[in-house]
Amino acid sequence: MNNLCVAHRGFSSIAPENTMAAFHMAMERPEVQWIELDVQLSRDGVPVVIHDFTLERTTNGKGWVKDTDWSALKMLDAGSWKGKNYTGERIPSLSEVLDRSCGRVRLNIELKTQGSMYPGLPAAVIYEIRKRHMQNDVVITSFESSALVEVKKLAPELQTGLIIDAKPGDLLTALKQMHCSFLSLGYTNVDKTLMQQMNTAGIRVMAWTVDDKATMRKLAAIDSGVMICTNRPDVWEDAFRETSSRFFRP
């Protein structure tokens, strides 16, 4: 059974998403071989790990991430919303996450952007990855095809993947045109025909976001190679307890 476990924003069902607490908790679990996270830019150009474009839901700050300097972002409380035990948890920089994960787990780094919101984001992320020689430890994904094209232009050696919650007829053609080798797909769109098509083309598929055993097992029955992105690595472990190769890092 090769349906690798990808921890969605870390172990985000327990710890506050996209924080070092969630990432450390995920890395401590042997079944987690990948972590998915979201990256944006502070106003002064620092790649920061946070999902929403605004600060209100997961921090005690207000306003847009892109309008806030790193010096202010790193002082915000990004944990209290999840529980008192996480009071004082911070928004991490991408550099911090890369340093902590290097040699321990691979990363699916989503470029969180819309249109021309973050023109410098691909270059900033590539710089941090290359600085640590982690090109083989990451895949860069995005809903924005233009961001993926920019990544391949600047760093042809990096793997890239489109994020989509649909199954258009020209999907494979689009992936080939963007030189993507990865597909991040809403799990309801995964079926045997799609998996056969992607496997033949050499494109790896990750299904998101699945938190129940029945759906995990259904996906595994469709294809043994589809990666499963979940907020609940503990449920993944329970679903595949007897058939998993989870103690072996890829």
C-alpha atoms as a PDB file:
ATOM      1  CA  MET A   1       0.000   0.000   0.000  1.00  0.00           C
ATOM      2  CA  ASN A   2       1.632   3.223  -1.195  1.00  0.00           C
ATOM      3  CA  ASN A   3      -1.083   5.794  -0.488  1.00  0.00           C
ATOM      4  CA  LEU A   4       1.217   8.267   1.228  1.00  0.00           C
ATOM      5  CA  CYS A   5      -0.131  10.421   4.037  1.00  0.00           C
ATOM      6  CA  VAL A   6       0.065  14.189   3.492  1.00  0.00           C
ATOM      7  CA  ALA A   7      -0.650  16.267   6.600  1.00  0.00           C
ATOM      8  CA  HIS A   8      -2.855  19.184   5.501  1.00  0.00           C
ATOM      9  CA  ARG A   9      -1.419  22.371   7.026  1.00  0.00           C
ATOM     10  CA  GLY A  10       0.278  20.073   9.522  1.00  0.00           C
ATOM     11  CA  PHE A  11      -1.692  18.045  12.060  1.00  0.00           C
ATOM     12  CA  SER A  12      -4.379  20.696  11.740  1.00  0.00           C
ATOM     13  CA  SER A  13      -7.264  18.842  13.345  1.00  0.00           C
ATOM     14  CA  ILE A  14      -5.506  19.221  16.693  1.00  0.00           C
ATOM     15  CA  ALA A  15      -2.959  22.038  16.464  1.00  0.00           C
ATOM     16  CA  PRO A  16      -3.532  25.444  14.804  1.00  0.00           C
ATOM     17  CA  GLU A  17      -3.064  25.107  11.053  1.00  0.00           C
ATOM     18  CA  ASN A  18       0.140  26.265   9.364  1.00  0.00           C
ATOM     19  CA  THR A  19       2.027  26.743  12.636  1.00  0.00           C
ATOM     20  CA  MET A  20       5.175  25.070  13.897  1.00  0.00           C
ATOM     21  CA  ALA A  21       3.061  23.288  16.518  1.00  0.00           C
ATOM     22  CA  ALA A  22       1.020  21.632  13.763  1.00  0.00           C
ATOM     23  CA  PHE A  23       4.108  20.847  11.684  1.00  0.00           C
ATOM     24  CA  HIS A  24       6.060  19.377  14.592  1.00  0.00           C
ATOM     25  CA  MET A  25       3.090  17.252  15.611  1.00  0.00           C
ATOM     26  CA  ALA A  26       2.842  15.931  12.056  1.00  0.00           C
ATOM     27  CA  MET A  27       6.560  15.240  11.779  1.00  0.00           C
ATOM     28  CA  GLU A  28       6.490  13.223  14.985  1.00  0.00           C
ATOM     29  CA  ARG A  29       4.077  10.730  13.397  1.00  0.00           C
ATOM     30  CA  PRO A  30       5.800   8.013  11.328  1.00  0.00           C
ATOM     31  CA  GLU A  31       2.899   7.761   8.888  1.00  0.00           C
ATOM     32  CA  VAL A  32       3.337  11.380   7.735  1.00  0.00           C
ATOM     33  CA  GLN A  33       5.722  11.541   4.795  1.00  0.00           C
ATOM     34  CA  TRP A  34       4.550  14.859   3.342  1.00  0.00           C
ATOM     35  CA  ILE A  35       3.186  18.114   4.761  1.00  0.00           C
ATOM     36  CA  GLU A  36       1.066  20.554   2.776  1.00  0.00           C
ATOM     37  CA  LEU A  37       1.351  24.258   3.619  1.00  0.00           C
ATOM     38  CA  ASP A  38       0.423  27.672   2.200  1.00  0.00           C
ATOM     39  CA  VAL A  39       2.811  30.526   1.458  1.00  0.00           C
ATOM     40  CA  GLN A  40       2.222  34.226   0.854  1.00  0.00           C
ATOM     41  CA  LEU A  41       4.446  37.328   1.040  1.00  0.00           C
ATOM     42  CA  SER A  42       4.610  39.961   3.744  1.00  0.00           C
ATOM     43  CA  ARG A  43       4.591  43.576   2.615  1.00  0.00           C
ATOM     44  CA  ASP A  44       8.395  43.613   2.799  1.00  0.00           C
ATOM     45  CA  GLY A  45       8.760  40.443   0.738  1.00  0.00           C
ATOM     46  CA  VAL A  46       9.239  37.685   3.330  1.00  0.00           C
ATOM     47  CA  PRO A  47       7.599  34.328   2.433  1.00  0.00           C
ATOM     48  CA  VAL A  48       5.220  33.545   5.302  1.00  0.00           C
ATOM     49  CA  VAL A  49       3.129  30.450   6.017  1.00  0.00           C
ATOM     50  CA  ILE A  50      -0.565  31.246   6.295  1.00  0.00           C
ATOM     51  CA  HIS A  51      -3.664  30.192   4.350  1.00  0.00           C
ATOM     52  CA  ASP A  52      -6.099  33.124   4.339  1.00  0.00           C
ATOM     53  CA  PHE A  53      -5.316  36.357   2.530  1.00  0.00           C
ATOM     54  CA  THR A  54      -6.528  38.180   5.647  1.00  0.00           C
ATOM     55  CA  LEU A  55      -5.460  37.745   9.253  1.00  0.00           C
ATOM     56  CA  GLU A  56      -8.713  37.654  11.198  1.00  0.00           C
ATOM     57  CA  ARG A  57      -9.622  33.935  11.153  1.00  0.00           C
ATOM     58  CA  THR A  58      -6.393  32.417  12.432  1.00  0.00           C
ATOM     59  CA  THR A  59      -4.658  35.274  14.262  1.00  0.00           C
ATOM     60  CA  ASN A  60      -5.409  38.208  16.545  1.00  0.00           C
ATOM     61  CA  GLY A  61      -4.403  40.581  13.749  1.00  0.00           C
ATOM     62  CA  LYS A  62      -6.474  42.480  11.226  1.00  0.00           C
ATOM     63  CA  GLY A  63      -6.107  43.287   7.558  1.00  0.00           C
ATOM     64  CA  TRP A  64      -4.338  41.704   4.625  1.00  0.00           C
ATOM     65  CA  VAL A  65      -1.185  39.624   4.866  1.00  0.00           C
ATOM     66  CA  LYS A  66       0.249  41.454   1.846  1.00  0.00           C
ATOM     67  CA  ASP A  67      -0.184  44.806   3.608  1.00  0.00           C
ATOM     68  CA  THR A  68       1.630  43.780   6.791  1.00  0.00           C
ATOM     69  CA  ASP A  69       5.392  43.737   7.388  1.00  0.00           C
ATOM     70  CA  TRP A  70       7.079  40.592   8.672  1.00  0.00           C
ATOM     71  CA  SER A  71       8.075  42.351  11.885  1.00  0.00           C
ATOM     72  CA  ALA A  72       4.371  42.763  12.701  1.00  0.00           C
ATOM     73  CA  LEU A  73       3.222  39.375  11.376  1.00  0.00           C
ATOM     74  CA  LYS A  74       5.671  37.426  13.527  1.00  0.00           C
ATOM     75  CA  MET A  75       4.337  39.072  16.677  1.00  0.00           C
ATOM     76  CA  LEU A  76       0.734  37.959  16.137  1.00  0.00           C
ATOM     77  CA  ASP A  77      -0.912  35.177  18.110  1.00  0.00           C
ATOM     78  CA  ALA A  78      -1.780  32.451  15.599  1.00  0.00           C
ATOM     79  CA  GLY A  79      -2.749  29.793  18.127  1.00  0.00           C
ATOM     80  CA  SER A  80      -5.333  31.014  20.630  1.00  0.00           C
ATOM     81  CA  TRP A  81      -8.231  30.509  18.206  1.00  0.00           C
ATOM     82  CA  LYS A  82      -7.536  26.771  18.362  1.00  0.00           C
ATOM     83  CA  GLY A  83      -7.261  26.556  22.141  1.00  0.00           C
ATOM     84  CA  LYS A  84      -5.578  27.976  25.239  1.00  0.00           C
ATOM     85  CA  ASN A  85      -2.738  25.452  24.960  1.00  0.00           C
ATOM     86  CA  TYR A  86      -1.612  27.155  21.767  1.00  0.00           C
ATOM     87  CA  THR A  87      -1.664  30.739  22.978  1.00  0.00           C
ATOM     88  CA  GLY A  88       1.341  32.569  21.582  1.00  0.00           C
ATOM     89  CA  GLU A  89       1.898  30.265  18.622  1.00  0.00           C
ATOM     90  CA  ARG A  90       3.220  32.377  15.754  1.00  0.00           C
ATOM     91  CA  ILE A  91       2.944  32.649  11.989  1.00  0.00           C
ATOM     92  CA  PRO A  92       6.125  30.943  10.765  1.00  0.00           C
ATOM     93  CA  SER A  93       8.293  32.095   7.914  1.00  0.00           C
ATOM     94  CA  LEU A  94       8.909  29.637   5.095  1.00  0.00           C
ATOM     95  CA  SER A  95      12.599  29.655   5.987  1.00  0.00           C
ATOM     96  CA  GLU A  96      11.797  28.395   9.490  1.00  0.00           C
ATOM     97  CA  VAL A  97       9.631  25.578   8.163  1.00  0.00           C
ATOM     98  CA  LEU A  98      12.264  24.539   5.633  1.00  0.00           C
ATOM     99  CA  ASP A  99      14.958  24.490   8.313  1.00  0.00           C
ATOM    100  CA  ARG A 100      12.861  22.341  10.646  1.00  0.00           C
ATOM    101  CA  SER A 101      11.623  19.908   7.984  1.00  0.00           C
ATOM    102  CA  CYS A 102      14.853  19.346   6.064  1.00  0.00           C
ATOM    103  CA  GLY A 103      15.708  15.650   6.111  1.00  0.00           C
ATOM    104  CA  ARG A 104      12.539  14.762   8.010  1.00  0.00           C
ATOM    105  CA  VAL A 105       9.581  15.199   5.675  1.00  0.00           C
ATOM    106  CA  ARG A 106       8.785  16.437   2.186  1.00  0.00           C
ATOM    107  CA  LEU A 107       6.745  19.568   1.568  1.00  0.00           C
ATOM    108  CA  ASN A 108       3.885  20.444  -0.761  1.00  0.00           C
ATOM    109  CA  ILE A 109       4.239  24.226  -0.870  1.00  0.00           C
ATOM    110  CA  GLU A 110       1.145  25.962  -2.172  1.00  0.00           C
ATOM    111  CA  LEU A 111       1.686  29.424  -3.627  1.00  0.00           C
ATOM    112  CA  LYS A 112      -1.351  31.185  -2.176  1.00  0.00           C
ATOM    113  CA  THR A 113      -2.088  33.904  -4.669  1.00  0.00           C
ATOM    114  CA  GLN A 114      -4.683  35.268  -7.052  1.00  0.00           C
ATOM    115  CA  GLY A 115      -3.834  36.879 -10.354  1.00  0.00           C
ATOM    116  CA  SER A 116      -1.039  39.428  -9.900  1.00  0.00           C
ATOM    117  CA  MET A 117      -1.405  39.695  -6.108  1.00  0.00           C
ATOM    118  CA  TYR A 118       2.119  38.411  -5.435  1.00  0.00           C
ATOM    119  CA  PRO A 119       4.356  38.887  -8.498  1.00  0.00           C
ATOM    120  CA  GLY A 120       7.476  38.187  -6.433  1.00  0.00           C
ATOM    121  CA  LEU A 121       6.211  35.065  -4.688  1.00  0.00           C
ATOM    122  CA  PRO A 122       7.638  32.353  -6.982  1.00  0.00           C
ATOM    123  CA  ALA A 123      11.130  33.883  -6.936  1.00  0.00           C
ATOM    124  CA  ALA A 124      11.110  34.373  -3.156  1.00  0.00           C
ATOM    125  CA  VAL A 125      10.069  30.763  -2.516  1.00  0.00           C
ATOM    126  CA  ILE A 126      12.594  29.392  -5.013  1.00  0.00           C
ATOM    127  CA  TYR A 127      15.367  31.371  -3.317  1.00  0.00           C
ATOM    128  CA  GLU A 128      14.629  29.803   0.078  1.00  0.00           C
ATOM    129  CA  ILE A 129      14.456  26.286  -1.387  1.00  0.00           C
ATOM    130  CA  ARG A 130      17.691  26.587  -3.365  1.00  0.00           C
ATOM    131  CA  LYS A 131      19.480  28.169  -0.413  1.00  0.00           C
ATOM    132  CA  ARG A 132      18.954  24.894   1.468  1.00  0.00           C
ATOM    133  CA  HIS A 133      19.439  22.586  -1.537  1.00  0.00           C
ATOM    134  CA  MET A 134      15.941  21.179  -0.993  1.00  0.00           C
ATOM    135  CA  GLN A 135      14.860  21.023  -4.632  1.00  0.00           C
ATOM    136  CA  ASN A 136      14.242  17.275  -4.369  1.00  0.00           C
ATOM    137  CA  ASP A 137      12.270  17.608  -1.140  1.00  0.00           C
ATOM    138  CA  VAL A 138       9.425  19.820  -2.330  1.00  0.00           C
ATOM    139  CA  VAL A 139       6.706  20.253  -4.906  1.00  0.00           C
ATOM    140  CA  ILE A 140       5.327  23.713  -5.699  1.00  0.00           C
ATOM    141  CA  THR A 141       1.565  23.814  -6.245  1.00  0.00           C
ATOM    142  CA  SER A 142      -1.013  26.492  -6.960  1.00  0.00           C
ATOM    143  CA  PHE A 143      -4.487  27.158  -8.285  1.00  0.00           C
ATOM    144  CA  GLU A 144      -2.857  29.881 -10.399  1.00  0.00           C
ATOM    145  CA  SER A 145      -1.382  28.442 -13.587  1.00  0.00           C
ATOM    146  CA  SER A 146       0.612  31.626 -14.212  1.00  0.00           C
ATOM    147  CA  ALA A 147       2.454  31.135 -10.914  1.00  0.00           C
ATOM    148  CA  LEU A 148       3.387  27.580 -11.910  1.00  0.00           C
ATOM    149  CA  VAL A 149       4.626  28.724 -15.316  1.00  0.00           C
ATOM    150  CA  GLU A 150       6.780  31.315 -13.557  1.00  0.00           C
ATOM    151  CA  VAL A 151       8.256  28.688 -11.231  1.00  0.00           C
ATOM    152  CA  LYS A 152       9.278  26.456 -14.151  1.00  0.00           C
ATOM    153  CA  LYS A 153      10.758  29.456 -15.952  1.00  0.00           C
ATOM    154  CA  LEU A 154      12.892  30.406 -12.946  1.00  0.00           C
ATOM    155  CA  ALA A 155      13.638  26.900 -11.642  1.00  0.00           C
ATOM    156  CA  PRO A 156      13.135  24.143 -14.239  1.00  0.00           C
ATOM    157  CA  GLU A 157      14.466  21.584 -11.777  1.00  0.00           C
ATOM    158  CA  LEU A 158      11.527  21.990  -9.392  1.00  0.00           C
ATOM    159  CA  GLN A 159       8.421  19.816  -9.520  1.00  0.00           C
ATOM    160  CA  THR A 160       5.190  21.752  -9.957  1.00  0.00           C
ATOM    161  CA  GLY A 161       1.535  20.807  -9.651  1.00  0.00           C
ATOM    162  CA  LEU A 162      -1.826  22.310 -10.460  1.00  0.00           C
ATOM    163  CA  ILE A 163      -4.499  22.467  -7.755  1.00  0.00           C
ATOM    164  CA  ILE A 164      -8.028  21.980  -9.046  1.00  0.00           C
ATOM    165  CA  ASP A 165     -11.369  20.781  -7.739  1.00  0.00           C
ATOM    166  CA  ALA A 166     -12.749  19.667 -11.090  1.00  0.00           C
ATOM    167  CA  LYS A 167     -12.059  17.204 -13.888  1.00  0.00           C
ATOM    168  CA  PRO A 168     -12.066  19.095 -17.204  1.00  0.00           C
ATOM    169  CA  GLY A 169     -11.591  17.113 -20.371  1.00  0.00           C
ATOM    170  CA  ASP A 170      -8.409  18.978 -21.273  1.00  0.00           C
ATOM    171  CA  LEU A 171      -6.778  18.560 -17.856  1.00  0.00           C
ATOM    172  CA  LEU A 172      -3.906  16.365 -19.035  1.00  0.00           C
ATOM    173  CA  THR A 173      -3.183  18.679 -21.952  1.00  0.00           C
ATOM    174  CA  ALA A 174      -3.083  21.664 -19.603  1.00  0.00           C
ATOM    175  CA  LEU A 175      -0.735  19.876 -17.204  1.00  0.00           C
ATOM    176  CA  LYS A 176       1.632  18.978 -20.023  1.00  0.00           C
ATOM    177  CA  GLN A 177       1.614  22.527 -21.355  1.00  0.00           C
ATOM    178  CA  MET A 178       2.611  23.799 -17.892  1.00  0.00           C
ATOM    179  CA  HIS A 179       5.195  21.012 -17.503  1.00  0.00           C
ATOM    180  CA  CYS A 180       3.504  19.855 -14.306  1.00  0.00           C
ATOM    181  CA  SER A 181       4.412  16.457 -12.884  1.00  0.00           C
ATOM    182  CA  PHE A 182       1.944  16.688  -9.988  1.00  0.00           C
ATOM    183  CA  LEU A 183      -1.819  17.124  -9.638  1.00  0.00           C
ATOM    184  CA  SER A 184      -3.537  18.230  -6.428  1.00  0.00           C
ATOM    185  CA  LEU A 185      -7.156  17.217  -6.908  1.00  0.00           C
ATOM    186  CA  GLY A 186     -10.341  17.450  -4.864  1.00  0.00           C
ATOM    187  CA  TYR A 187     -10.927  13.841  -3.851  1.00  0.00           C
ATOM    188  CA  THR A 188     -14.425  13.553  -5.349  1.00  0.00           C
ATOM    189  CA  ASN A 189     -12.873  13.887  -8.813  1.00  0.00           C
ATOM    190  CA  VAL A 190     -10.576  10.867  -8.439  1.00  0.00           C
ATOM    191  CA  ASP A 191     -11.570   7.757 -10.392  1.00  0.00           C
ATOM    192  CA  LYS A 192      -9.852   4.856 -12.142  1.00  0.00           C
ATOM    193  CA  THR A 193      -9.926   6.442 -15.585  1.00  0.00           C
ATOM    194  CA  LEU A 194      -8.256   9.626 -14.364  1.00  0.00           C
ATOM    195  CA  MET A 195      -5.645   7.699 -12.401  1.00  0.00           C
ATOM    196  CA  GLN A 196      -4.796   5.501 -15.381  1.00  0.00           C
ATOM    197  CA  GLN A 197      -4.420   8.606 -17.509  1.00  0.00           C
ATOM    198  CA  MET A 198      -2.186  10.365 -14.998  1.00  0.00           C
ATOM    199  CA  ASN A 199      -0.101   7.282 -14.251  1.00  0.00           C
ATOM    200  CA  THR A 200       0.568   6.780 -17.941  1.00  0.00           C
ATOM    201  CA  ALA A 201       1.665  10.410 -18.231  1.00  0.00           C
ATOM    202  CA  GLY A 202       3.912  10.140 -15.156  1.00  0.00           C
ATOM    203  CA  ILE A 203       1.894  12.653 -13.148  1.00  0.00           C
ATOM    204  CA  ARG A 204       1.559  12.034  -9.426  1.00  0.00           C
ATOM    205  CA  VAL A 205      -1.865  12.674  -7.896  1.00  0.00           C
ATOM    206  CA  MET A 206      -2.753  13.900  -4.420  1.00  0.00           C
ATOM    207  CA  ALA A 207      -6.401  13.796  -3.331  1.00  0.00           C
ATOM    208  CA  TRP A 208      -7.650  16.426  -0.861  1.00  0.00           C
ATOM    209  CA  THR A 209      -8.962  16.731   1.835  1.00  0.00           C
ATOM    210  CA  VAL A 210     -10.024  13.402   3.370  1.00  0.00           C
ATOM    211  CA  ASP A 211     -10.655  12.871   7.081  1.00  0.00           C
ATOM    212  CA  ASP A 212     -12.642   9.629   7.253  1.00  0.00           C
ATOM    213  CA  LYS A 213     -11.457   6.032   6.965  1.00  0.00           C
ATOM    214  CA  ALA A 214     -14.095   4.910   4.484  1.00  0.00           C
ATOM    215  CA  THR A 215     -13.129   7.518   1.898  1.00  0.00           C
ATOM    216  CA  MET A 216      -9.425   6.897   2.424  1.00  0.00           C
ATOM    217  CA  ARG A 217      -9.917   3.185   1.794  1.00  0.00           C
ATOM    218  CA  LYS A 218     -12.087   3.902  -1.245  1.00  0.00           C
ATOM    219  CA  LEU A 219      -9.334   6.049  -2.750  1.00  0.00           C
ATOM    220  CA  ALA A 220      -6.763   3.352  -2.022  1.00  0.00           C
ATOM    221  CA  ALA A 221      -8.967   0.819  -3.834  1.00  0.00           C
ATOM    222  CA  ILE A 222      -9.097   3.109  -6.874  1.00  0.00           C
ATOM    223  CA  ASP A 223      -5.313   3.380  -7.038  1.00  0.00           C
ATOM    224  CA  SER A 224      -2.521   2.337  -4.702  1.00  0.00           C
ATOM    225  CA  GLY A 225      -0.424   5.353  -5.582  1.00  0.00           C
ATOM    226  CA  VAL A 226      -2.806   8.252  -5.005  1.00  0.00           C
ATOM    227  CA  MET A 227      -1.537  10.408  -2.135  1.00  0.00           C
ATOM    228  CA  ILE A 228      -4.079  11.248   0.558  1.00  0.00           C
ATOM    229  CA  CYS A 229      -4.112  14.734   2.054  1.00  0.00           C
ATOM    230  CA  THR A 230      -5.747  14.856   5.475  1.00  0.00           C
ATOM    231  CA  ASN A 231      -6.206  16.980   8.581  1.00  0.00           C
ATOM    232  CA  ARG A 232      -6.229  13.680  10.509  1.00  0.00           C
ATOM    233  CA  PRO A 233      -3.033  11.641  10.124  1.00  0.00           C
ATOM    234  CA  ASP A 234      -4.242   9.543  13.055  1.00  0.00           C
ATOM    235  CA  VAL A 235      -7.274   8.467  11.015  1.00  0.00           C
ATOM    236  CA  TRP A 236      -4.991   7.615   8.066  1.00  0.00           C
ATOM    237  CA  GLU A 237      -2.898   5.464  10.390  1.00  0.00           C
ATOM    238  CA  ASP A 238      -5.987   3.687  11.652  1.00  0.00           C
ATOM    239  CA  ALA A 239      -7.339   3.142   8.131  1.00  0.00           C
ATOM    240  CA  PHE A 240      -4.139   1.526   6.861  1.00  0.00           C
ATOM    241  CA  ARG A 241      -2.648   0.121  10.045  1.00  0.00           C
ATOM    242  CA  GLU A 242      -1.995  -3.368   8.692  1.00  0.00           C
ATOM    243  CA  THR A 243      -0.980  -2.568   5.121  1.00  0.00           C
ATOM    244  CA  SER A 244       1.029   0.626   5.470  1.00  0.00           C
ATOM    245  CA  SER A 245       4.696   1.182   4.643  1.00  0.00           C
ATOM    246  CA  ARG A 246       4.525   4.318   6.800  1.00  0.00           C
ATOM    247  CA  PHE A 247       7.794   3.689   8.613  1.00  0.00           C
ATOM    248  CA  PHE A 248       9.729   4.267   5.414  1.00  0.00           C
ATOM    249  CA  ARG A 249      10.309   7.816   4.235  1.00  0.00           C
ATOM    250  CA  PRO A 250      10.110   8.312   0.445  1.00  0.00           C
END
